[in-house]
Amino acid sequence: MMTIKLIASDLDGTLLDEHGGISERTKEAIRRAEKKGVLFTFATGRMYRSALPFAQELNLDLPLITYEGALIKTSHTQEVIRHRPLPVDLAKEIITIGDQEHLSVNVYVDDEIYVHRETEAVQDYSRMVRVPYTKVDHLQSFLEQPPTKVIYIGEEERLLRLWGELKEQFGDQAYITKSTPHFLEFTHPQATKGNGIQVLSQILNIKQEEIMAFGDNFNDLSLLRSAGLAVAMENGREELKKEADFVTSSNREDGVAQAIEQFVLSE
């Protein structure tokens, strides 16, 4: 039986239930794992400030992998371990294409959300992540420092088309991924969850085979590939399930807790 020393979990659709919270069963499983000496952290596409309240709820004292891996920052001391933002010129090009496609565009600078079109999609997003946004007149002229991330919000079919087209257009200049059907995300090429967990495991001196990772969507592929035990959620993408070592129950049925109980707590 493998020994798990670090658990890294995605948030939305994975650790968080359908109400956007962490269930009591899941909290208890994490607490019991930590008592056995197993470390627990997040690997999420969310902003740091959006992920932090969940870390505080679980009393985590580890670096959190946020913005797909673009920002790795400790939960207690707020120390930045790594920040890999997008170059300004590239970000402006991405914003322009989003505008041409009539999509809602979010830009993230210093853990703040900036938009120049105040749409219903932007408002829904702000409510979901529980972070307010700031409207500016023009994102291109506003943007003077490299943003941590840019995202498009729109219809799934259009974003899937753009995903293919823009991966060809930008090549290795950006990491482009989907975290939900309606989000297309752009980060630095090194800003992936898999890269983030590798950075963290080196700091903690933990081997790949000692890592357990949970995810549900395309942006979790690199995370699962960087773990010794890759766990996909039942509610996750089929592409992820095919790559996983194990498929647990859905986020509505405490899938993370079930897998921790099975692989960590039953030893």
C-alpha atoms as a PDB file:
ATOM      1  CA  MET A   1       0.000   0.000   0.000  1.00  0.00           C
ATOM      2  CA  MET A   2       1.383   3.405  -0.983  1.00  0.00           C
ATOM      3  CA  THR A   3       2.003   5.991   1.722  1.00  0.00           C
ATOM      4  CA  ILE A   4       0.285   9.298   1.053  1.00  0.00           C
ATOM      5  CA  LYS A   5       2.018  12.354   2.539  1.00  0.00           C
ATOM      6  CA  LEU A   6       0.304  15.179   0.635  1.00  0.00           C
ATOM      7  CA  ILE A   7      -3.260  15.600  -0.652  1.00  0.00           C
ATOM      8  CA  ALA A   8      -3.995  18.340  -3.189  1.00  0.00           C
ATOM      9  CA  SER A   9      -7.597  19.018  -4.135  1.00  0.00           C
ATOM     10  CA  ASP A  10      -9.368  21.185  -6.650  1.00  0.00           C
ATOM     11  CA  LEU A  11     -12.203  23.267  -5.165  1.00  0.00           C
ATOM     12  CA  ASP A  12     -15.181  23.782  -7.499  1.00  0.00           C
ATOM     13  CA  GLY A  13     -16.918  20.551  -8.476  1.00  0.00           C
ATOM     14  CA  THR A  14     -14.497  18.589  -6.281  1.00  0.00           C
ATOM     15  CA  LEU A  15     -13.952  19.572  -2.643  1.00  0.00           C
ATOM     16  CA  LEU A  16     -16.909  21.975  -2.605  1.00  0.00           C
ATOM     17  CA  ASP A  17     -20.415  20.508  -2.665  1.00  0.00           C
ATOM     18  CA  GLU A  18     -23.321  21.727  -4.797  1.00  0.00           C
ATOM     19  CA  HIS A  19     -23.910  24.575  -2.318  1.00  0.00           C
ATOM     20  CA  GLY A  20     -20.324  25.810  -2.611  1.00  0.00           C
ATOM     21  CA  GLY A  21     -19.287  24.623   0.856  1.00  0.00           C
ATOM     22  CA  ILE A  22     -17.207  21.870   2.464  1.00  0.00           C
ATOM     23  CA  SER A  23     -19.304  19.134   4.063  1.00  0.00           C
ATOM     24  CA  GLU A  24     -18.795  18.035   7.663  1.00  0.00           C
ATOM     25  CA  ARG A  25     -17.810  14.532   6.522  1.00  0.00           C
ATOM     26  CA  THR A  26     -15.122  15.984   4.255  1.00  0.00           C
ATOM     27  CA  LYS A  27     -13.795  18.287   6.996  1.00  0.00           C
ATOM     28  CA  GLU A  28     -13.600  15.339   9.381  1.00  0.00           C
ATOM     29  CA  ALA A  29     -11.762  13.168   6.827  1.00  0.00           C
ATOM     30  CA  ILE A  30      -9.209  15.947   6.250  1.00  0.00           C
ATOM     31  CA  ARG A  31      -8.739  16.456  10.016  1.00  0.00           C
ATOM     32  CA  ARG A  32      -8.208  12.736  10.568  1.00  0.00           C
ATOM     33  CA  ALA A  33      -5.716  12.577   7.673  1.00  0.00           C
ATOM     34  CA  GLU A  34      -3.796  15.512   9.134  1.00  0.00           C
ATOM     35  CA  LYS A  35      -3.653  13.767  12.524  1.00  0.00           C
ATOM     36  CA  LYS A  36      -1.873  10.930  10.701  1.00  0.00           C
ATOM     37  CA  GLY A  37       0.679  13.453   9.444  1.00  0.00           C
ATOM     38  CA  VAL A  38      -0.773  13.877   5.946  1.00  0.00           C
ATOM     39  CA  LEU A  39      -0.621  17.423   4.561  1.00  0.00           C
ATOM     40  CA  PHE A  40      -3.604  18.931   2.722  1.00  0.00           C
ATOM     41  CA  THR A  41      -3.822  21.867   0.332  1.00  0.00           C
ATOM     42  CA  PHE A  42      -5.786  23.281  -2.608  1.00  0.00           C
ATOM     43  CA  ALA A  43      -4.896  23.405  -6.286  1.00  0.00           C
ATOM     44  CA  THR A  44      -7.499  25.706  -7.779  1.00  0.00           C
ATOM     45  CA  GLY A  45      -8.134  28.073 -10.638  1.00  0.00           C
ATOM     46  CA  ARG A  46      -9.708  30.473  -8.155  1.00  0.00           C
ATOM     47  CA  MET A  47      -8.110  33.678  -6.960  1.00  0.00           C
ATOM     48  CA  TYR A  48      -6.064  33.431  -3.782  1.00  0.00           C
ATOM     49  CA  ARG A  49      -8.508  35.651  -1.863  1.00  0.00           C
ATOM     50  CA  SER A  50     -11.407  33.466  -3.016  1.00  0.00           C
ATOM     51  CA  ALA A  51      -9.673  30.254  -1.886  1.00  0.00           C
ATOM     52  CA  LEU A  52      -8.333  31.659   1.405  1.00  0.00           C
ATOM     53  CA  PRO A  53     -11.629  31.524   3.397  1.00  0.00           C
ATOM     54  CA  PHE A  54     -11.836  27.768   2.747  1.00  0.00           C
ATOM     55  CA  ALA A  55      -8.219  27.354   3.896  1.00  0.00           C
ATOM     56  CA  GLN A  56      -9.056  29.298   7.061  1.00  0.00           C
ATOM     57  CA  GLU A  57     -12.151  27.155   7.603  1.00  0.00           C
ATOM     58  CA  LEU A  58      -9.918  24.057   7.512  1.00  0.00           C
ATOM     59  CA  ASN A  59      -7.119  25.825   9.438  1.00  0.00           C
ATOM     60  CA  LEU A  60      -4.601  24.957   6.713  1.00  0.00           C
ATOM     61  CA  ASP A  61      -1.035  26.152   7.168  1.00  0.00           C
ATOM     62  CA  LEU A  62       0.422  25.385   3.741  1.00  0.00           C
ATOM     63  CA  PRO A  63       1.044  27.182   0.467  1.00  0.00           C
ATOM     64  CA  LEU A  64      -2.134  27.266  -1.647  1.00  0.00           C
ATOM     65  CA  ILE A  65      -1.865  26.680  -5.396  1.00  0.00           C
ATOM     66  CA  THR A  66      -4.194  29.305  -6.909  1.00  0.00           C
ATOM     67  CA  TYR A  67      -4.898  30.848 -10.329  1.00  0.00           C
ATOM     68  CA  GLU A  68      -4.158  27.426 -11.925  1.00  0.00           C
ATOM     69  CA  GLY A  69      -0.674  27.570 -10.377  1.00  0.00           C
ATOM     70  CA  ALA A  70       0.193  31.159 -11.317  1.00  0.00           C
ATOM     71  CA  LEU A  71       0.218  32.195  -7.648  1.00  0.00           C
ATOM     72  CA  ILE A  72       1.459  29.931  -4.856  1.00  0.00           C
ATOM     73  CA  LYS A  73       1.051  31.685  -1.528  1.00  0.00           C
ATOM     74  CA  THR A  74       0.967  30.513   2.072  1.00  0.00           C
ATOM     75  CA  SER A  75      -2.350  30.546   3.878  1.00  0.00           C
ATOM     76  CA  HIS A  76      -1.131  31.785   7.290  1.00  0.00           C
ATOM     77  CA  THR A  77       1.791  34.138   6.660  1.00  0.00           C
ATOM     78  CA  GLN A  78       0.643  35.290   3.162  1.00  0.00           C
ATOM     79  CA  GLU A  79       4.168  34.668   1.848  1.00  0.00           C
ATOM     80  CA  VAL A  80       4.365  34.477  -1.950  1.00  0.00           C
ATOM     81  CA  ILE A  81       6.235  31.305  -2.925  1.00  0.00           C
ATOM     82  CA  ARG A  82       5.864  31.844  -6.661  1.00  0.00           C
ATOM     83  CA  HIS A  83       4.067  34.258  -8.993  1.00  0.00           C
ATOM     84  CA  ARG A  84       4.053  33.720 -12.756  1.00  0.00           C
ATOM     85  CA  PRO A  85       1.896  36.411 -14.405  1.00  0.00           C
ATOM     86  CA  LEU A  86       1.117  36.868 -18.109  1.00  0.00           C
ATOM     87  CA  PRO A  87       3.174  39.426 -20.080  1.00  0.00           C
ATOM     88  CA  VAL A  88       1.208  42.664 -20.514  1.00  0.00           C
ATOM     89  CA  ASP A  89       1.335  42.708 -24.343  1.00  0.00           C
ATOM     90  CA  LEU A  90       0.072  39.130 -24.560  1.00  0.00           C
ATOM     91  CA  ALA A  91      -2.693  39.838 -22.046  1.00  0.00           C
ATOM     92  CA  LYS A  92      -3.827  42.852 -24.098  1.00  0.00           C
ATOM     93  CA  GLU A  93      -3.958  40.705 -27.219  1.00  0.00           C
ATOM     94  CA  ILE A  94      -6.090  38.130 -25.375  1.00  0.00           C
ATOM     95  CA  ILE A  95      -8.425  40.878 -24.098  1.00  0.00           C
ATOM     96  CA  THR A  96      -8.856  42.277 -27.633  1.00  0.00           C
ATOM     97  CA  ILE A  97      -9.853  38.870 -29.030  1.00  0.00           C
ATOM     98  CA  GLY A  98     -12.348  38.401 -26.174  1.00  0.00           C
ATOM     99  CA  ASP A  99     -13.901  41.776 -26.991  1.00  0.00           C
ATOM    100  CA  GLN A 100     -14.110  40.924 -30.687  1.00  0.00           C
ATOM    101  CA  GLU A 101     -15.944  37.717 -29.732  1.00  0.00           C
ATOM    102  CA  HIS A 102     -18.347  39.736 -27.508  1.00  0.00           C
ATOM    103  CA  LEU A 103     -17.359  37.720 -24.451  1.00  0.00           C
ATOM    104  CA  SER A 104     -17.174  38.862 -20.839  1.00  0.00           C
ATOM    105  CA  VAL A 105     -13.488  39.316 -19.965  1.00  0.00           C
ATOM    106  CA  ASN A 106     -12.048  39.263 -16.434  1.00  0.00           C
ATOM    107  CA  VAL A 107      -8.499  40.440 -15.753  1.00  0.00           C
ATOM    108  CA  TYR A 108      -6.750  39.725 -12.431  1.00  0.00           C
ATOM    109  CA  VAL A 109      -4.121  42.107 -11.032  1.00  0.00           C
ATOM    110  CA  ASP A 110      -2.919  42.049  -7.401  1.00  0.00           C
ATOM    111  CA  ASP A 111      -5.711  39.596  -6.490  1.00  0.00           C
ATOM    112  CA  GLU A 112      -8.409  41.985  -7.751  1.00  0.00           C
ATOM    113  CA  ILE A 113     -10.886  41.463 -10.621  1.00  0.00           C
ATOM    114  CA  TYR A 114     -11.083  44.131 -13.332  1.00  0.00           C
ATOM    115  CA  VAL A 115     -13.627  44.321 -16.161  1.00  0.00           C
ATOM    116  CA  HIS A 116     -14.647  46.926 -18.713  1.00  0.00           C
ATOM    117  CA  ARG A 117     -18.019  45.407 -19.583  1.00  0.00           C
ATOM    118  CA  GLU A 118     -20.378  44.907 -16.660  1.00  0.00           C
ATOM    119  CA  THR A 119     -22.377  41.880 -17.812  1.00  0.00           C
ATOM    120  CA  GLU A 120     -24.697  39.473 -16.049  1.00  0.00           C
ATOM    121  CA  ALA A 121     -22.008  36.802 -16.468  1.00  0.00           C
ATOM    122  CA  VAL A 122     -19.496  39.006 -14.629  1.00  0.00           C
ATOM    123  CA  GLN A 123     -21.977  39.624 -11.815  1.00  0.00           C
ATOM    124  CA  ASP A 124     -22.735  35.886 -11.511  1.00  0.00           C
ATOM    125  CA  TYR A 125     -19.028  35.106 -11.402  1.00  0.00           C
ATOM    126  CA  SER A 126     -18.417  37.713  -8.704  1.00  0.00           C
ATOM    127  CA  ARG A 127     -21.176  36.206  -6.558  1.00  0.00           C
ATOM    128  CA  MET A 128     -19.840  32.678  -7.036  1.00  0.00           C
ATOM    129  CA  VAL A 129     -16.273  33.494  -5.975  1.00  0.00           C
ATOM    130  CA  ARG A 130     -17.480  36.022  -3.352  1.00  0.00           C
ATOM    131  CA  VAL A 131     -15.104  38.702  -4.578  1.00  0.00           C
ATOM    132  CA  PRO A 132     -16.242  42.124  -5.883  1.00  0.00           C
ATOM    133  CA  TYR A 133     -15.024  43.384  -9.260  1.00  0.00           C
ATOM    134  CA  THR A 134     -13.864  46.823 -10.351  1.00  0.00           C
ATOM    135  CA  LYS A 135     -15.094  48.333 -13.618  1.00  0.00           C
ATOM    136  CA  VAL A 136     -12.586  50.353 -15.626  1.00  0.00           C
ATOM    137  CA  ASP A 137     -13.145  52.328 -18.822  1.00  0.00           C
ATOM    138  CA  HIS A 138     -10.798  50.301 -20.970  1.00  0.00           C
ATOM    139  CA  LEU A 139      -8.842  47.226 -19.885  1.00  0.00           C
ATOM    140  CA  GLN A 140      -6.117  47.659 -22.513  1.00  0.00           C
ATOM    141  CA  SER A 141      -5.225  51.184 -21.380  1.00  0.00           C
ATOM    142  CA  PHE A 142      -5.735  50.301 -17.705  1.00  0.00           C
ATOM    143  CA  LEU A 143      -3.381  47.320 -17.823  1.00  0.00           C
ATOM    144  CA  GLU A 144       0.156  48.443 -16.974  1.00  0.00           C
ATOM    145  CA  GLN A 145       1.445  45.526 -14.927  1.00  0.00           C
ATOM    146  CA  PRO A 146       1.399  41.819 -15.837  1.00  0.00           C
ATOM    147  CA  PRO A 147      -1.917  40.201 -14.809  1.00  0.00           C
ATOM    148  CA  THR A 148      -1.987  36.902 -12.948  1.00  0.00           C
ATOM    149  CA  LYS A 149      -4.764  35.597 -15.183  1.00  0.00           C
ATOM    150  CA  VAL A 150      -7.293  36.522 -17.873  1.00  0.00           C
ATOM    151  CA  ILE A 151     -10.546  34.628 -18.376  1.00  0.00           C
ATOM    152  CA  TYR A 152     -13.355  34.637 -20.913  1.00  0.00           C
ATOM    153  CA  ILE A 153     -16.893  33.887 -19.758  1.00  0.00           C
ATOM    154  CA  GLY A 154     -19.313  32.725 -22.438  1.00  0.00           C
ATOM    155  CA  GLU A 155     -21.229  29.914 -24.153  1.00  0.00           C
ATOM    156  CA  GLU A 156     -19.560  26.497 -24.023  1.00  0.00           C
ATOM    157  CA  GLU A 157     -19.568  25.894 -27.795  1.00  0.00           C
ATOM    158  CA  ARG A 158     -17.917  29.229 -28.574  1.00  0.00           C
ATOM    159  CA  LEU A 159     -15.287  28.746 -25.877  1.00  0.00           C
ATOM    160  CA  LEU A 160     -14.478  25.239 -27.123  1.00  0.00           C
ATOM    161  CA  ARG A 161     -13.935  26.638 -30.640  1.00  0.00           C
ATOM    162  CA  LEU A 162     -11.756  29.455 -29.314  1.00  0.00           C
ATOM    163  CA  TRP A 163      -9.805  27.054 -27.121  1.00  0.00           C
ATOM    164  CA  GLY A 164      -8.647  25.127 -30.157  1.00  0.00           C
ATOM    165  CA  GLU A 165      -7.965  28.226 -32.250  1.00  0.00           C
ATOM    166  CA  LEU A 166      -6.090  30.161 -29.569  1.00  0.00           C
ATOM    167  CA  LYS A 167      -3.941  27.216 -28.488  1.00  0.00           C
ATOM    168  CA  GLU A 168      -2.666  27.191 -32.074  1.00  0.00           C
ATOM    169  CA  GLN A 169      -2.315  30.975 -32.232  1.00  0.00           C
ATOM    170  CA  PHE A 170      -0.473  31.454 -28.947  1.00  0.00           C
ATOM    171  CA  GLY A 171       1.374  28.147 -28.854  1.00  0.00           C
ATOM    172  CA  ASP A 172       3.741  28.081 -25.895  1.00  0.00           C
ATOM    173  CA  GLN A 173       3.145  31.723 -24.954  1.00  0.00           C
ATOM    174  CA  ALA A 174       0.236  30.909 -22.607  1.00  0.00           C
ATOM    175  CA  TYR A 175      -1.411  28.019 -20.812  1.00  0.00           C
ATOM    176  CA  ILE A 176      -5.035  27.932 -21.971  1.00  0.00           C
ATOM    177  CA  THR A 177      -7.538  25.705 -20.205  1.00  0.00           C
ATOM    178  CA  LYS A 178     -11.188  25.221 -19.276  1.00  0.00           C
ATOM    179  CA  SER A 179     -12.185  25.009 -15.627  1.00  0.00           C
ATOM    180  CA  THR A 180     -15.963  24.990 -16.190  1.00  0.00           C
ATOM    181  CA  PRO A 181     -18.071  24.784 -19.373  1.00  0.00           C
ATOM    182  CA  HIS A 182     -18.391  28.584 -19.386  1.00  0.00           C
ATOM    183  CA  PHE A 183     -14.834  29.696 -18.497  1.00  0.00           C
ATOM    184  CA  LEU A 184     -11.760  29.783 -20.742  1.00  0.00           C
ATOM    185  CA  GLU A 185      -8.645  30.684 -18.736  1.00  0.00           C
ATOM    186  CA  PHE A 186      -5.277  32.121 -19.785  1.00  0.00           C
ATOM    187  CA  THR A 187      -2.197  31.977 -17.566  1.00  0.00           C
ATOM    188  CA  HIS A 188       1.594  31.922 -17.880  1.00  0.00           C
ATOM    189  CA  PRO A 189       2.804  28.716 -19.621  1.00  0.00           C
ATOM    190  CA  GLN A 190       4.329  27.485 -16.345  1.00  0.00           C
ATOM    191  CA  ALA A 191       1.127  28.272 -14.432  1.00  0.00           C
ATOM    192  CA  THR A 192      -0.498  24.849 -14.328  1.00  0.00           C
ATOM    193  CA  LYS A 193      -1.724  22.925 -11.316  1.00  0.00           C
ATOM    194  CA  GLY A 194       0.711  20.122 -12.129  1.00  0.00           C
ATOM    195  CA  ASN A 195       3.626  22.533 -12.168  1.00  0.00           C
ATOM    196  CA  GLY A 196       2.363  24.056  -8.924  1.00  0.00           C
ATOM    197  CA  ILE A 197       2.214  20.730  -7.111  1.00  0.00           C
ATOM    198  CA  GLN A 198       5.724  19.899  -8.320  1.00  0.00           C
ATOM    199  CA  VAL A 199       7.024  23.183  -6.875  1.00  0.00           C
ATOM    200  CA  LEU A 200       5.253  22.492  -3.576  1.00  0.00           C
ATOM    201  CA  SER A 201       6.396  18.870  -3.351  1.00  0.00           C
ATOM    202  CA  GLN A 202      10.025  19.966  -3.824  1.00  0.00           C
ATOM    203  CA  ILE A 203       9.677  22.481  -0.976  1.00  0.00           C
ATOM    204  CA  LEU A 204       8.134  19.816   1.263  1.00  0.00           C
ATOM    205  CA  ASN A 205      10.526  17.077   0.088  1.00  0.00           C
ATOM    206  CA  ILE A 206       7.647  14.819  -0.925  1.00  0.00           C
ATOM    207  CA  LYS A 207       7.881  12.368  -3.842  1.00  0.00           C
ATOM    208  CA  GLN A 208       5.321  12.200  -6.644  1.00  0.00           C
ATOM    209  CA  GLU A 209       4.205   8.728  -5.577  1.00  0.00           C
ATOM    210  CA  GLU A 210       3.362  10.148  -2.113  1.00  0.00           C
ATOM    211  CA  ILE A 211       0.874  12.676  -3.546  1.00  0.00           C
ATOM    212  CA  MET A 212      -2.885  12.126  -3.835  1.00  0.00           C
ATOM    213  CA  ALA A 213      -4.742  14.565  -6.093  1.00  0.00           C
ATOM    214  CA  PHE A 214      -8.422  15.254  -6.762  1.00  0.00           C
ATOM    215  CA  GLY A 215     -10.047  16.983  -9.734  1.00  0.00           C
ATOM    216  CA  ASP A 216     -13.056  17.147 -12.016  1.00  0.00           C
ATOM    217  CA  ASN A 217     -12.221  19.249 -15.076  1.00  0.00           C
ATOM    218  CA  PHE A 218      -9.753  19.824 -17.916  1.00  0.00           C
ATOM    219  CA  ASN A 219      -7.600  22.157 -15.812  1.00  0.00           C
ATOM    220  CA  ASP A 220      -7.026  19.286 -13.358  1.00  0.00           C
ATOM    221  CA  LEU A 221      -5.348  16.993 -15.900  1.00  0.00           C
ATOM    222  CA  SER A 222      -1.837  18.252 -15.143  1.00  0.00           C
ATOM    223  CA  LEU A 223      -2.512  17.939 -11.407  1.00  0.00           C
ATOM    224  CA  LEU A 224      -3.613  14.326 -11.659  1.00  0.00           C
ATOM    225  CA  ARG A 225      -0.678  13.493 -13.913  1.00  0.00           C
ATOM    226  CA  SER A 226       1.684  14.858 -11.231  1.00  0.00           C
ATOM    227  CA  ALA A 227       0.280  12.647  -8.462  1.00  0.00           C
ATOM    228  CA  GLY A 228       0.988   9.103  -7.385  1.00  0.00           C
ATOM    229  CA  LEU A 229      -2.720   8.529  -6.786  1.00  0.00           C
ATOM    230  CA  ALA A 230      -4.917  10.439  -9.247  1.00  0.00           C
ATOM    231  CA  VAL A 231      -8.583  10.625  -8.228  1.00  0.00           C
ATOM    232  CA  ALA A 232     -11.308  11.932 -10.540  1.00  0.00           C
ATOM    233  CA  MET A 233     -14.790  12.860  -9.398  1.00  0.00           C
ATOM    234  CA  GLU A 234     -17.816  10.961 -10.678  1.00  0.00           C
ATOM    235  CA  ASN A 235     -19.246  14.327 -11.794  1.00  0.00           C
ATOM    236  CA  GLY A 236     -16.027  15.101 -13.667  1.00  0.00           C
ATOM    237  CA  ARG A 237     -15.088  15.139 -17.350  1.00  0.00           C
ATOM    238  CA  GLU A 238     -14.774  11.752 -19.038  1.00  0.00           C
ATOM    239  CA  GLU A 239     -11.283  12.744 -20.239  1.00  0.00           C
ATOM    240  CA  LEU A 240     -10.211  13.064 -16.611  1.00  0.00           C
ATOM    241  CA  LYS A 241     -11.792   9.800 -15.509  1.00  0.00           C
ATOM    242  CA  LYS A 242      -9.887   7.918 -18.231  1.00  0.00           C
ATOM    243  CA  GLU A 243      -6.570   9.231 -16.873  1.00  0.00           C
ATOM    244  CA  ALA A 244      -7.374   8.701 -13.191  1.00  0.00           C
ATOM    245  CA  ASP A 245      -6.239   5.795 -11.035  1.00  0.00           C
ATOM    246  CA  PHE A 246      -9.571   5.891  -9.233  1.00  0.00           C
ATOM    247  CA  VAL A 247     -12.991   7.481  -9.753  1.00  0.00           C
ATOM    248  CA  THR A 248     -14.677   8.481  -6.513  1.00  0.00           C
ATOM    249  CA  SER A 249     -18.275   9.566  -5.900  1.00  0.00           C
ATOM    250  CA  SER A 250     -19.485  13.014  -6.946  1.00  0.00           C
ATOM    251  CA  ASN A 251     -18.920  16.230  -5.022  1.00  0.00           C
ATOM    252  CA  ARG A 252     -22.576  15.978  -3.936  1.00  0.00           C
ATOM    253  CA  GLU A 253     -21.818  12.649  -2.247  1.00  0.00           C
ATOM    254  CA  ASP A 254     -18.599  13.531  -0.377  1.00  0.00           C
ATOM    255  CA  GLY A 255     -16.394  11.941  -3.018  1.00  0.00           C
ATOM    256  CA  VAL A 256     -13.205  13.496  -1.614  1.00  0.00           C
ATOM    257  CA  ALA A 257     -14.000  12.222   1.885  1.00  0.00           C
ATOM    258  CA  GLN A 258     -14.787   8.736   0.576  1.00  0.00           C
ATOM    259  CA  ALA A 259     -11.439   8.442  -1.211  1.00  0.00           C
ATOM    260  CA  ILE A 260      -9.479   9.797   1.770  1.00  0.00           C
ATOM    261  CA  GLU A 261     -11.247   7.309   4.022  1.00  0.00           C
ATOM    262  CA  GLN A 262     -10.461   4.468   1.619  1.00  0.00           C
ATOM    263  CA  PHE A 263      -6.839   5.233   0.731  1.00  0.00           C
ATOM    264  CA  VAL A 264      -5.495   7.175   3.726  1.00  0.00           C
ATOM    265  CA  LEU A 265      -7.564   6.417   6.804  1.00  0.00           C
ATOM    266  CA  SER A 266      -8.066   2.671   6.320  1.00  0.00           C
ATOM    267  CA  GLU A 267      -4.328   1.961   6.525  1.00  0.00           C
END
